[in-house]
Amino acid sequence: MLGLGYALPLGERWTASIEGHLGAAGGGGIDTGGGLVAAGRLELDYALNDALAISAGVGKMQTLRGGGGAKPVTFHLGLKTAFTTFH
C-alpha cells in the first residue's frame, strides 16, 4: 500500500498524525471485492527521545470495489524509530 500522512506537533513530546493509503489486498480467502482497498489511520505518539517514540492508534480499511466483506477496524500500540526526516 502507498499513502500520505501528516504529523501535527502537540507539545514538546506529543505528536498526532493522520495517514491515508491506497493499494491492493486479498488472498487467503479474504473477500476484497476485486482487491483495491483504502485505509486510514489516526495515531498519537509520545517521544521518548529524538529517535524513539511510543505510538498508539486506530485505523480502518475499506474495500473500494464490489462491496467486499473486508472492513476491519484496527487498534495498535508500538514503538516508532526515526530513520530520516524530509523537510
N, C-alpha and C. Protein backbone atom coordinates (compact mmCIF):
# COMPACT_ATOMS: atom_id res chain seq x y z
N MET A 1 0.85 -1.17 0.00
CA MET A 1 0.00 0.00 0.00
C MET A 1 0.89 1.24 0.00
N LEU A 2 0.44 2.27 -0.67
CA LEU A 2 1.11 3.56 -0.69
C LEU A 2 0.19 4.60 -0.09
N GLY A 3 0.80 5.60 0.55
CA GLY A 3 -0.04 6.62 1.15
C GLY A 3 0.71 7.87 1.53
N LEU A 4 -0.05 8.79 2.08
CA LEU A 4 0.47 10.06 2.57
C LEU A 4 0.01 10.27 4.00
N GLY A 5 0.78 11.05 4.73
CA GLY A 5 0.42 11.34 6.11
C GLY A 5 0.84 12.73 6.51
N TYR A 6 0.31 13.17 7.63
CA TYR A 6 0.65 14.48 8.18
C TYR A 6 0.79 14.35 9.68
N ALA A 7 1.86 14.92 10.24
CA ALA A 7 2.09 14.90 11.69
C ALA A 7 1.94 16.31 12.24
N LEU A 8 1.21 16.43 13.34
CA LEU A 8 0.96 17.71 13.98
C LEU A 8 1.55 17.68 15.39
N PRO A 9 2.60 18.46 15.64
CA PRO A 9 3.17 18.51 16.99
C PRO A 9 2.15 19.11 17.96
N LEU A 10 1.98 18.46 19.11
CA LEU A 10 1.05 18.92 20.13
C LEU A 10 1.76 19.48 21.36
N GLY A 11 3.04 19.39 21.37
CA GLY A 11 3.83 19.84 22.51
C GLY A 11 5.25 19.37 22.33
N GLU A 12 6.03 19.44 23.40
CA GLU A 12 7.43 19.07 23.32
C GLU A 12 7.62 17.59 23.00
N ARG A 13 6.77 16.71 23.52
CA ARG A 13 6.94 15.27 23.32
C ARG A 13 5.78 14.60 22.58
N TRP A 14 4.64 15.25 22.45
CA TRP A 14 3.44 14.64 21.87
C TRP A 14 3.25 15.05 20.42
N THR A 15 2.82 14.09 19.59
CA THR A 15 2.51 14.34 18.18
C THR A 15 1.27 13.53 17.80
N ALA A 16 0.37 14.16 17.06
CA ALA A 16 -0.78 13.46 16.48
C ALA A 16 -0.53 13.34 14.99
N SER A 17 -0.96 12.25 14.39
CA SER A 17 -0.76 12.09 12.95
C SER A 17 -1.96 11.42 12.32
N ILE A 18 -2.12 11.68 11.03
CA ILE A 18 -3.18 11.09 10.22
C ILE A 18 -2.53 10.57 8.94
N GLU A 19 -2.96 9.39 8.48
CA GLU A 19 -2.41 8.79 7.27
C GLU A 19 -3.54 8.22 6.42
N GLY A 20 -3.36 8.25 5.12
CA GLY A 20 -4.28 7.61 4.18
C GLY A 20 -3.49 6.77 3.20
N HIS A 21 -4.02 5.60 2.84
CA HIS A 21 -3.32 4.65 1.98
C HIS A 21 -4.27 4.07 0.93
N LEU A 22 -3.72 3.75 -0.24
CA LEU A 22 -4.42 3.01 -1.29
C LEU A 22 -3.54 1.85 -1.73
N GLY A 23 -4.17 0.74 -2.07
CA GLY A 23 -3.36 -0.38 -2.55
C GLY A 23 -4.18 -1.61 -2.83
N ALA A 24 -3.48 -2.70 -3.03
CA ALA A 24 -4.10 -3.98 -3.35
C ALA A 24 -4.04 -4.88 -2.13
N ALA A 25 -5.08 -5.69 -1.97
CA ALA A 25 -5.13 -6.64 -0.87
C ALA A 25 -5.94 -7.85 -1.30
N GLY A 26 -5.88 -8.88 -0.53
CA GLY A 26 -6.65 -10.09 -0.82
C GLY A 26 -5.80 -11.31 -0.57
N GLY A 27 -6.26 -12.42 -1.06
CA GLY A 27 -5.57 -13.67 -0.80
C GLY A 27 -6.04 -14.27 0.50
N GLY A 28 -5.74 -15.52 0.71
CA GLY A 28 -6.12 -16.19 1.94
C GLY A 28 -7.63 -16.28 2.13
N GLY A 29 -8.38 -16.17 1.05
CA GLY A 29 -9.83 -16.27 1.15
C GLY A 29 -10.51 -15.01 1.66
N ILE A 30 -9.79 -13.88 1.74
CA ILE A 30 -10.38 -12.63 2.21
C ILE A 30 -11.14 -11.97 1.07
N ASP A 31 -12.39 -11.61 1.30
CA ASP A 31 -13.25 -11.01 0.29
C ASP A 31 -12.97 -9.51 0.19
N THR A 32 -12.20 -9.11 -0.83
CA THR A 32 -11.92 -7.69 -1.04
C THR A 32 -12.67 -7.14 -2.24
N GLY A 33 -13.49 -7.93 -2.88
CA GLY A 33 -14.31 -7.45 -3.99
C GLY A 33 -13.49 -6.93 -5.16
N GLY A 34 -12.38 -7.52 -5.47
CA GLY A 34 -11.56 -7.09 -6.60
C GLY A 34 -10.16 -6.68 -6.22
N GLY A 35 -9.89 -6.49 -4.94
CA GLY A 35 -8.52 -6.26 -4.49
C GLY A 35 -8.13 -4.84 -4.17
N LEU A 36 -8.87 -3.82 -4.65
CA LEU A 36 -8.49 -2.43 -4.37
C LEU A 36 -9.05 -2.01 -3.02
N VAL A 37 -8.16 -1.52 -2.14
CA VAL A 37 -8.57 -1.11 -0.80
C VAL A 37 -8.02 0.27 -0.47
N ALA A 38 -8.68 0.94 0.46
CA ALA A 38 -8.21 2.21 1.02
C ALA A 38 -8.17 2.04 2.53
N ALA A 39 -7.25 2.74 3.17
CA ALA A 39 -7.13 2.66 4.62
C ALA A 39 -6.80 4.03 5.18
N GLY A 40 -7.22 4.27 6.39
CA GLY A 40 -6.89 5.49 7.11
C GLY A 40 -6.47 5.15 8.52
N ARG A 41 -5.67 6.01 9.12
CA ARG A 41 -5.15 5.74 10.46
C ARG A 41 -4.93 7.05 11.20
N LEU A 42 -5.30 7.09 12.47
CA LEU A 42 -5.01 8.19 13.39
C LEU A 42 -4.10 7.65 14.47
N GLU A 43 -3.06 8.42 14.81
CA GLU A 43 -2.11 7.97 15.81
C GLU A 43 -1.76 9.10 16.78
N LEU A 44 -1.39 8.71 17.99
CA LEU A 44 -0.86 9.63 18.98
C LEU A 44 0.48 9.07 19.44
N ASP A 45 1.52 9.87 19.34
CA ASP A 45 2.88 9.43 19.67
C ASP A 45 3.43 10.23 20.85
N TYR A 46 4.20 9.55 21.70
CA TYR A 46 4.93 10.17 22.80
C TYR A 46 6.41 9.89 22.60
N ALA A 47 7.20 10.95 22.38
CA ALA A 47 8.64 10.80 22.11
C ALA A 47 9.40 10.49 23.39
N LEU A 48 10.12 9.38 23.37
CA LEU A 48 10.99 9.01 24.47
C LEU A 48 12.32 9.73 24.37
N ASN A 49 12.78 9.94 23.13
CA ASN A 49 13.99 10.71 22.84
C ASN A 49 13.89 11.15 21.38
N ASP A 50 15.00 11.63 20.78
CA ASP A 50 14.96 12.13 19.41
C ASP A 50 14.70 11.05 18.37
N ALA A 51 14.93 9.79 18.70
CA ALA A 51 14.83 8.72 17.70
C ALA A 51 13.78 7.66 18.01
N LEU A 52 13.13 7.70 19.18
CA LEU A 52 12.22 6.64 19.57
C LEU A 52 10.95 7.21 20.20
N ALA A 53 9.79 6.67 19.80
CA ALA A 53 8.52 7.12 20.34
C ALA A 53 7.59 5.94 20.56
N ILE A 54 6.73 6.05 21.56
CA ILE A 54 5.64 5.10 21.78
C ILE A 54 4.46 5.60 20.97
N SER A 55 3.80 4.71 20.25
CA SER A 55 2.71 5.09 19.36
C SER A 55 1.46 4.25 19.64
N ALA A 56 0.30 4.90 19.66
CA ALA A 56 -0.98 4.21 19.80
C ALA A 56 -1.92 4.79 18.77
N GLY A 57 -2.77 3.94 18.20
CA GLY A 57 -3.66 4.46 17.18
C GLY A 57 -4.81 3.54 16.83
N VAL A 58 -5.63 4.06 15.93
CA VAL A 58 -6.78 3.33 15.43
C VAL A 58 -6.83 3.52 13.91
N GLY A 59 -7.25 2.51 13.20
CA GLY A 59 -7.31 2.59 11.74
C GLY A 59 -8.53 1.87 11.19
N LYS A 60 -8.79 2.08 9.92
CA LYS A 60 -9.92 1.46 9.23
C LYS A 60 -9.49 1.15 7.81
N MET A 61 -9.83 -0.05 7.34
CA MET A 61 -9.58 -0.45 5.96
C MET A 61 -10.92 -0.72 5.29
N GLN A 62 -11.05 -0.31 4.03
CA GLN A 62 -12.32 -0.44 3.31
C GLN A 62 -12.05 -0.89 1.89
N THR A 63 -12.80 -1.86 1.41
CA THR A 63 -12.70 -2.25 0.01
C THR A 63 -13.35 -1.17 -0.85
N LEU A 64 -12.83 -0.97 -2.05
CA LEU A 64 -13.34 0.09 -2.92
C LEU A 64 -14.17 -0.44 -4.08
N ARG A 65 -14.18 -1.73 -4.31
CA ARG A 65 -14.94 -2.30 -5.42
C ARG A 65 -15.86 -3.41 -4.93
N GLY A 66 -17.03 -3.45 -5.50
CA GLY A 66 -17.90 -4.60 -5.36
C GLY A 66 -18.45 -4.91 -3.98
N GLY A 67 -18.27 -4.02 -3.01
CA GLY A 67 -18.82 -4.27 -1.68
C GLY A 67 -18.25 -5.48 -0.99
N GLY A 68 -16.96 -5.73 -1.15
CA GLY A 68 -16.33 -6.86 -0.48
C GLY A 68 -16.54 -6.80 1.02
N GLY A 69 -16.45 -7.95 1.66
CA GLY A 69 -16.75 -8.03 3.08
C GLY A 69 -15.63 -7.61 4.01
N ALA A 70 -14.42 -7.33 3.52
CA ALA A 70 -13.30 -6.98 4.39
C ALA A 70 -13.35 -5.50 4.77
N LYS A 71 -13.73 -5.21 6.02
CA LYS A 71 -13.81 -3.83 6.51
C LYS A 71 -13.31 -3.74 7.95
N PRO A 72 -12.08 -4.18 8.18
CA PRO A 72 -11.61 -4.24 9.57
C PRO A 72 -11.28 -2.87 10.17
N VAL A 73 -11.51 -2.77 11.47
CA VAL A 73 -11.03 -1.65 12.27
C VAL A 73 -9.84 -2.19 13.05
N THR A 74 -8.75 -1.44 13.09
CA THR A 74 -7.54 -1.90 13.77
C THR A 74 -7.19 -0.97 14.93
N PHE A 75 -6.63 -1.55 15.97
CA PHE A 75 -6.07 -0.81 17.09
C PHE A 75 -4.63 -1.26 17.23
N HIS A 76 -3.72 -0.33 17.47
CA HIS A 76 -2.33 -0.74 17.56
C HIS A 76 -1.58 0.06 18.62
N LEU A 77 -0.54 -0.56 19.13
CA LEU A 77 0.37 0.03 20.11
C LEU A 77 1.76 -0.44 19.72
N GLY A 78 2.72 0.48 19.65
CA GLY A 78 4.05 0.07 19.23
C GLY A 78 5.11 1.12 19.47
N LEU A 79 6.29 0.84 18.95
CA LEU A 79 7.43 1.76 19.01
C LEU A 79 7.75 2.25 17.61
N LYS A 80 8.03 3.53 17.49
CA LYS A 80 8.47 4.11 16.22
C LYS A 80 9.91 4.55 16.35
N THR A 81 10.68 4.32 15.30
CA THR A 81 12.04 4.81 15.25
C THR A 81 12.21 5.71 14.03
N ALA A 82 12.91 6.81 14.21
CA ALA A 82 13.11 7.78 13.12
C ALA A 82 14.36 7.42 12.35
N PHE A 83 14.17 7.13 11.06
CA PHE A 83 15.32 6.85 10.20
C PHE A 83 15.79 8.11 9.50
N THR A 84 14.85 8.90 8.99
CA THR A 84 15.17 10.15 8.30
C THR A 84 13.96 11.04 8.31
N THR A 85 14.17 12.33 8.09
CA THR A 85 13.08 13.30 8.00
C THR A 85 13.29 14.17 6.80
N PHE A 86 12.25 14.34 6.00
CA PHE A 86 12.30 15.22 4.83
C PHE A 86 11.61 16.53 5.17
N HIS A 87 12.24 17.63 4.80
CA HIS A 87 11.66 18.96 5.05
C HIS A 87 11.49 19.70 3.75
